């Protein structure tokens, strides 16, 4: 099924079928990253955007409401 990324507006196929063997999108992200994505994007985002968020998420100061609870 074709989807439009909520973040970059690119068209992509869903579900994503080219992840490394045994990996799912949810296993690639920690709970803080998932919470951030859920709160900022109402619909699906493409794999490129997911990977970009994964690679850069902890590069910046993270607002307290997204930080891990201790």
PDB file of N, CA and C in Angstrom:
ATOM      1  N   UNK A   1       0.832  -1.162   0.000  1.00  0.00           N
ATOM      2  CA  UNK A   1       0.000   0.000   0.000  1.00  0.00           C
ATOM      3  C   UNK A   1       0.892   1.245   0.000  1.00  0.00           C
ATOM      4  N   UNK A   2       0.563   2.208  -0.819  1.00  0.00           N
ATOM      5  CA  UNK A   2       1.312   3.463  -0.876  1.00  0.00           C
ATOM      6  C   UNK A   2       0.875   4.379   0.264  1.00  0.00           C
ATOM      7  N   UNK A   3       1.853   4.988   0.915  1.00  0.00           N
ATOM      8  CA  UNK A   3       1.605   5.941   1.996  1.00  0.00           C
ATOM      9  C   UNK A   3       2.394   7.206   1.708  1.00  0.00           C
ATOM     10  N   UNK A   4       2.010   8.301   2.337  1.00  0.00           N
ATOM     11  CA  UNK A   4       2.747   9.557   2.239  1.00  0.00           C
ATOM     12  C   UNK A   4       3.322   9.848   3.615  1.00  0.00           C
ATOM     13  N   UNK A   5       4.611  10.086   3.659  1.00  0.00           N
ATOM     14  CA  UNK A   5       5.305  10.346   4.917  1.00  0.00           C
ATOM     15  C   UNK A   5       4.811  11.656   5.534  1.00  0.00           C
ATOM     16  N   UNK A   6       4.450  11.605   6.810  1.00  0.00           N
ATOM     17  CA  UNK A   6       3.988  12.794   7.534  1.00  0.00           C
ATOM     18  C   UNK A   6       5.103  13.805   7.750  1.00  0.00           C
ATOM     19  N   UNK A   7       6.332  13.364   7.654  1.00  0.00           N
ATOM     20  CA  UNK A   7       7.467  14.241   7.940  1.00  0.00           C
ATOM     21  C   UNK A   7       8.023  14.892   6.677  1.00  0.00           C
ATOM     22  N   UNK A   8       8.314  14.103   5.632  1.00  0.00           N
ATOM     23  CA  UNK A   8       8.965  14.652   4.434  1.00  0.00           C
ATOM     24  C   UNK A   8       8.066  14.669   3.208  1.00  0.00           C
ATOM     25  N   UNK A   9       6.868  14.084   3.332  1.00  0.00           N
ATOM     26  CA  UNK A   9       5.875  14.035   2.261  1.00  0.00           C
ATOM     27  C   UNK A   9       6.259  13.114   1.099  1.00  0.00           C
ATOM     28  N   UNK A  10       7.272  12.292   1.269  1.00  0.00           N
ATOM     29  CA  UNK A  10       7.657  11.314   0.234  1.00  0.00           C
ATOM     30  C   UNK A  10       6.630  10.181   0.208  1.00  0.00           C
ATOM     31  N   UNK A  11       6.458   9.577  -0.950  1.00  0.00           N
ATOM     32  CA  UNK A  11       5.596   8.408  -1.090  1.00  0.00           C
ATOM     33  C   UNK A  11       6.437   7.169  -0.842  1.00  0.00           C
ATOM     34  N   UNK A  12       5.890   6.206  -0.089  1.00  0.00           N
ATOM     35  CA  UNK A  12       6.623   4.974   0.180  1.00  0.00           C
ATOM     36  C   UNK A  12       5.649   3.824   0.314  1.00  0.00           C
ATOM     37  N   UNK A  13       6.167   2.608   0.192  1.00  0.00           N
ATOM     38  CA  UNK A  13       5.363   1.395   0.327  1.00  0.00           C
ATOM     39  C   UNK A  13       5.245   1.008   1.789  1.00  0.00           C
ATOM     40  N   UNK A  14       4.058   0.633   2.188  1.00  0.00           N
ATOM     41  CA  UNK A  14       3.824   0.159   3.545  1.00  0.00           C
ATOM     42  C   UNK A  14       3.106  -1.164   3.472  1.00  0.00           C
ATOM     43  N   UNK A  15       3.485  -2.192   4.185  1.00  0.00           N
ATOM     44  CA  UNK A  15       4.534  -2.187   5.202  1.00  0.00           C
ATOM     45  C   UNK A  15       5.926  -2.241   4.580  1.00  0.00           C
ATOM     46  N   UNK A  16       6.906  -1.768   5.335  1.00  0.00           N
ATOM     47  CA  UNK A  16       8.304  -1.793   4.898  1.00  0.00           C
ATOM     48  C   UNK A  16       8.788  -3.231   4.948  1.00  0.00           C
ATOM     49  N   UNK A  17       9.369  -3.703   3.850  1.00  0.00           N
ATOM     50  CA  UNK A  17       9.788  -5.110   3.804  1.00  0.00           C
ATOM     51  C   UNK A  17      11.292  -5.283   3.641  1.00  0.00           C
ATOM     52  N   UNK A  18      12.054  -4.200   3.706  1.00  0.00           N
ATOM     53  CA  UNK A  18      13.490  -4.320   3.470  1.00  0.00           C
ATOM     54  C   UNK A  18      14.333  -3.982   4.692  1.00  0.00           C
ATOM     55  N   UNK A  19      13.824  -4.262   5.861  1.00  0.00           N
ATOM     56  CA  UNK A  19      14.611  -4.105   7.082  1.00  0.00           C
ATOM     57  C   UNK A  19      15.539  -5.303   7.248  1.00  0.00           C
ATOM     58  N   UNK A  20      16.614  -5.151   8.023  1.00  0.00           N
ATOM     59  CA  UNK A  20      17.494  -6.297   8.270  1.00  0.00           C
ATOM     60  C   UNK A  20      16.706  -7.476   8.831  1.00  0.00           C
ATOM     61  N   UNK A  21      17.124  -8.656   8.485  1.00  0.00           N
ATOM     62  CA  UNK A  21      16.409  -9.870   8.903  1.00  0.00           C
ATOM     63  C   UNK A  21      16.187  -9.891  10.411  1.00  0.00           C
ATOM     64  N   UNK A  22      14.971 -10.208  10.801  1.00  0.00           N
ATOM     65  CA  UNK A  22      14.635 -10.311  12.213  1.00  0.00           C
ATOM     66  C   UNK A  22      14.360  -8.984  12.901  1.00  0.00           C
ATOM     67  N   UNK A  23      14.420  -7.882  12.178  1.00  0.00           N
ATOM     68  CA  UNK A  23      14.189  -6.559  12.776  1.00  0.00           C
ATOM     69  C   UNK A  23      12.794  -6.068  12.412  1.00  0.00           C
ATOM     70  N   UNK A  24      12.189  -5.352  13.321  1.00  0.00           N
ATOM     71  CA  UNK A  24      10.954  -4.646  13.034  1.00  0.00           C
ATOM     72  C   UNK A  24      11.210  -3.167  13.299  1.00  0.00           C
ATOM     73  N   UNK A  25      10.356  -2.326  12.773  1.00  0.00           N
ATOM     74  CA  UNK A  25      10.544  -0.892  13.002  1.00  0.00           C
ATOM     75  C   UNK A  25      10.505  -0.569  14.486  1.00  0.00           C
ATOM     76  N   UNK A  26       9.597  -1.202  15.203  1.00  0.00           N
ATOM     77  CA  UNK A  26       9.484  -0.884  16.628  1.00  0.00           C
ATOM     78  C   UNK A  26      10.698  -1.339  17.420  1.00  0.00           C
ATOM     79  N   UNK A  27      11.401  -2.376  16.970  1.00  0.00           N
ATOM     80  CA  UNK A  27      12.590  -2.819  17.693  1.00  0.00           C
ATOM     81  C   UNK A  27      13.798  -1.940  17.405  1.00  0.00           C
ATOM     82  N   UNK A  28      13.714  -1.111  16.374  1.00  0.00           N
ATOM     83  CA  UNK A  28      14.821  -0.220  16.020  1.00  0.00           C
ATOM     84  C   UNK A  28      14.823   1.056  16.854  1.00  0.00           C
ATOM     85  N   UNK A  29      13.690   1.374  17.481  1.00  0.00           N
ATOM     86  CA  UNK A  29      13.552   2.621  18.228  1.00  0.00           C
ATOM     87  C   UNK A  29      13.340   2.334  19.706  1.00  0.00           C
ATOM     88  N   UNK A  30      13.898   3.186  20.563  1.00  0.00           N
ATOM     89  CA  UNK A  30      13.611   3.015  21.990  1.00  0.00           C
ATOM     90  C   UNK A  30      12.298   3.737  22.336  1.00  0.00           C
ATOM     91  N   UNK A  31      11.842   3.586  23.559  1.00  0.00           N
ATOM     92  CA  UNK A  31      10.539   4.136  23.956  1.00  0.00           C
ATOM     93  C   UNK A  31      10.496   5.661  23.858  1.00  0.00           C
ATOM     94  N   UNK A  32      11.595   6.325  24.154  1.00  0.00           N
ATOM     95  CA  UNK A  32      11.638   7.781  24.082  1.00  0.00           C
ATOM     96  C   UNK A  32      11.480   8.253  22.648  1.00  0.00           C
ATOM     97  N   UNK A  33      12.173   7.598  21.720  1.00  0.00           N
ATOM     98  CA  UNK A  33      12.046   7.946  20.299  1.00  0.00           C
ATOM     99  C   UNK A  33      10.629   7.680  19.798  1.00  0.00           C
ATOM    100  N   UNK A  34      10.046   6.562  20.198  1.00  0.00           N
ATOM    101  CA  UNK A  34       8.669   6.237  19.791  1.00  0.00           C
ATOM    102  C   UNK A  34       7.682   7.281  20.311  1.00  0.00           C
ATOM    103  N   UNK A  35       7.844   7.698  21.576  1.00  0.00           N
ATOM    104  CA  UNK A  35       6.955   8.698  22.169  1.00  0.00           C
ATOM    105  C   UNK A  35       7.057  10.022  21.400  1.00  0.00           C
ATOM    106  N   UNK A  36       8.281  10.412  21.043  1.00  0.00           N
ATOM    107  CA  UNK A  36       8.489  11.633  20.268  1.00  0.00           C
ATOM    108  C   UNK A  36       7.781  11.543  18.919  1.00  0.00           C
ATOM    109  N   UNK A  37       7.951  10.435  18.222  1.00  0.00           N
ATOM    110  CA  UNK A  37       7.336  10.263  16.903  1.00  0.00           C
ATOM    111  C   UNK A  37       5.813  10.280  17.021  1.00  0.00           C
ATOM    112  N   UNK A  38       5.267   9.547  17.978  1.00  0.00           N
ATOM    113  CA  UNK A  38       3.803   9.512  18.156  1.00  0.00           C
ATOM    114  C   UNK A  38       3.241  10.900  18.443  1.00  0.00           C
ATOM    115  N   UNK A  39       3.969  11.706  19.191  1.00  0.00           N
ATOM    116  CA  UNK A  39       3.441  13.019  19.554  1.00  0.00           C
ATOM    117  C   UNK A  39       3.613  14.071  18.452  1.00  0.00           C
ATOM    118  N   UNK A  40       4.503  13.830  17.496  1.00  0.00           N
ATOM    119  CA  UNK A  40       4.761  14.823  16.451  1.00  0.00           C
ATOM    120  C   UNK A  40       4.201  14.469  15.081  1.00  0.00           C
ATOM    121  N   UNK A  41       3.888  13.209  14.840  1.00  0.00           N
ATOM    122  CA  UNK A  41       3.433  12.790  13.510  1.00  0.00           C
ATOM    123  C   UNK A  41       2.157  11.987  13.651  1.00  0.00           C
ATOM    124  N   UNK A  42       1.090  12.461  12.994  1.00  0.00           N
ATOM    125  CA  UNK A  42      -0.225  11.836  13.124  1.00  0.00           C
ATOM    126  C   UNK A  42      -0.333  10.539  12.334  1.00  0.00           C
ATOM    127  N   UNK A  43       0.476  10.384  11.311  1.00  0.00           N
ATOM    128  CA  UNK A  43       0.384   9.203  10.456  1.00  0.00           C
ATOM    129  C   UNK A  43       1.778   8.610  10.295  1.00  0.00           C
ATOM    130  N   UNK A  44       1.906   7.678   9.394  1.00  0.00           N
ATOM    131  CA  UNK A  44       3.177   6.979   9.164  1.00  0.00           C
ATOM    132  C   UNK A  44       4.273   7.934   8.713  1.00  0.00           C
ATOM    133  N   UNK A  45       5.510   7.564   9.044  1.00  0.00           N
ATOM    134  CA  UNK A  45       6.655   8.248   8.460  1.00  0.00           C
ATOM    135  C   UNK A  45       7.527   7.192   7.784  1.00  0.00           C
ATOM    136  N   UNK A  46       8.242   7.614   6.747  1.00  0.00           N
ATOM    137  CA  UNK A  46       9.015   6.680   5.927  1.00  0.00           C
ATOM    138  C   UNK A  46      10.256   6.176   6.668  1.00  0.00           C
ATOM    139  N   UNK A  47      10.837   5.134   6.149  1.00  0.00           N
ATOM    140  CA  UNK A  47      12.019   4.544   6.769  1.00  0.00           C
ATOM    141  C   UNK A  47      13.176   5.529   6.826  1.00  0.00           C
ATOM    142  N   UNK A  48      13.369   6.325   5.775  1.00  0.00           N
ATOM    143  CA  UNK A  48      14.453   7.313   5.789  1.00  0.00           C
ATOM    144  C   UNK A  48      14.284   8.292   6.951  1.00  0.00           C
ATOM    145  N   UNK A  49      13.061   8.745   7.178  1.00  0.00           N
ATOM    146  CA  UNK A  49      12.809   9.670   8.287  1.00  0.00           C
ATOM    147  C   UNK A  49      12.979   8.973   9.636  1.00  0.00           C
ATOM    148  N   UNK A  50      12.497   7.736   9.739  1.00  0.00           N
ATOM    149  CA  UNK A  50      12.694   6.981  10.982  1.00  0.00           C
ATOM    150  C   UNK A  50      14.169   6.828  11.304  1.00  0.00           C
ATOM    151  N   UNK A  51      14.951   6.471  10.294  1.00  0.00           N
ATOM    152  CA  UNK A  51      16.384   6.290  10.514  1.00  0.00           C
ATOM    153  C   UNK A  51      17.071   7.607  10.851  1.00  0.00           C
ATOM    154  N   UNK A  52      16.634   8.692  10.217  1.00  0.00           N
ATOM    155  CA  UNK A  52      17.210  10.005  10.524  1.00  0.00           C
ATOM    156  C   UNK A  52      16.916  10.389  11.976  1.00  0.00           C
ATOM    157  N   UNK A  53      15.684  10.165  12.416  1.00  0.00           N
ATOM    158  CA  UNK A  53      15.342  10.446  13.806  1.00  0.00           C
ATOM    159  C   UNK A  53      16.187   9.578  14.739  1.00  0.00           C
ATOM    160  N   UNK A  54      16.321   8.306  14.400  1.00  0.00           N
ATOM    161  CA  UNK A  54      17.116   7.382  15.216  1.00  0.00           C
ATOM    162  C   UNK A  54      18.571   7.863  15.330  1.00  0.00           C
ATOM    163  N   UNK A  55      19.140   8.307  14.222  1.00  0.00           N
ATOM    164  CA  UNK A  55      20.548   8.711  14.198  1.00  0.00           C
ATOM    165  C   UNK A  55      20.796  10.047  14.888  1.00  0.00           C
ATOM    166  N   UNK A  56      19.807  10.931  14.904  1.00  0.00           N
ATOM    167  CA  UNK A  56      20.048  12.290  15.403  1.00  0.00           C
ATOM    168  C   UNK A  56      19.307  12.629  16.682  1.00  0.00           C
ATOM    169  N   UNK A  57      18.428  11.791  17.148  1.00  0.00           N
ATOM    170  CA  UNK A  57      17.558  12.126  18.271  1.00  0.00           C
ATOM    171  C   UNK A  57      18.334  12.559  19.510  1.00  0.00           C
ATOM    172  N   UNK A  58      19.365  11.853  19.864  1.00  0.00           N
ATOM    173  CA  UNK A  58      20.122  12.166  21.084  1.00  0.00           C
ATOM    174  C   UNK A  58      21.276  13.140  20.833  1.00  0.00           C
ATOM    175  N   UNK A  59      21.328  13.735  19.643  1.00  0.00           N
ATOM    176  CA  UNK A  59      22.373  14.710  19.320  1.00  0.00           C
ATOM    177  C   UNK A  59      22.063  16.085  19.894  1.00  0.00           C
ATOM    178  N   UNK A  60      20.830  16.289  20.327  1.00  0.00           N
ATOM    179  CA  UNK A  60      20.378  17.586  20.798  1.00  0.00           C
ATOM    180  C   UNK A  60      19.811  17.446  22.204  1.00  0.00           C
ATOM    181  N   UNK A  61      19.589  18.574  22.852  1.00  0.00           N
ATOM    182  CA  UNK A  61      18.924  18.542  24.154  1.00  0.00           C
ATOM    183  C   UNK A  61      17.513  18.004  23.961  1.00  0.00           C
ATOM    184  N   UNK A  62      17.113  17.104  24.836  1.00  0.00           N
ATOM    185  CA  UNK A  62      15.805  16.483  24.745  1.00  0.00           C
ATOM    186  C   UNK A  62      14.909  17.088  25.819  1.00  0.00           C
ATOM    187  N   UNK A  63      13.728  17.588  25.424  1.00  0.00           N
ATOM    188  CA  UNK A  63      12.810  18.122  26.431  1.00  0.00           C
ATOM    189  C   UNK A  63      12.496  17.078  27.491  1.00  0.00           C
ATOM    190  N   UNK A  64      12.270  17.529  28.712  1.00  0.00           N
ATOM    191  CA  UNK A  64      12.049  16.612  29.837  1.00  0.00           C
ATOM    192  C   UNK A  64      10.929  15.616  29.591  1.00  0.00           C
ATOM    193  N   UNK A  65       9.870  16.020  28.902  1.00  0.00           N
ATOM    194  CA  UNK A  65       8.742  15.111  28.720  1.00  0.00           C
ATOM    195  C   UNK A  65       9.074  13.937  27.799  1.00  0.00           C
ATOM    196  N   UNK A  66      10.208  13.967  27.113  1.00  0.00           N
ATOM    197  CA  UNK A  66      10.623  12.828  26.279  1.00  0.00           C
ATOM    198  C   UNK A  66      11.762  12.026  26.902  1.00  0.00           C
ATOM    199  N   UNK A  67      12.336  12.515  27.977  1.00  0.00           N
ATOM    200  CA  UNK A  67      13.472  11.822  28.584  1.00  0.00           C
ATOM    201  C   UNK A  67      13.016  10.582  29.312  1.00  0.00           C
ATOM    202  N   UNK A  68      13.959   9.651  29.464  1.00  0.00           N
ATOM    203  CA  UNK A  68      13.677   8.421  30.219  1.00  0.00           C
ATOM    204  C   UNK A  68      13.350   8.783  31.662  1.00  0.00           C
ATOM    205  N   UNK A  69      12.351   8.127  32.189  1.00  0.00           N
ATOM    206  CA  UNK A  69      11.997   8.308  33.593  1.00  0.00           C
ATOM    207  C   UNK A  69      12.939   7.463  34.445  1.00  0.00           C
ATOM    208  N   UNK A  70      13.465   8.042  35.525  1.00  0.00           N
ATOM    209  CA  UNK A  70      14.394   7.318  36.393  1.00  0.00           C
ATOM    210  C   UNK A  70      13.714   6.856  37.641  1.00  0.00           C
TER     211      UNK A  70
END
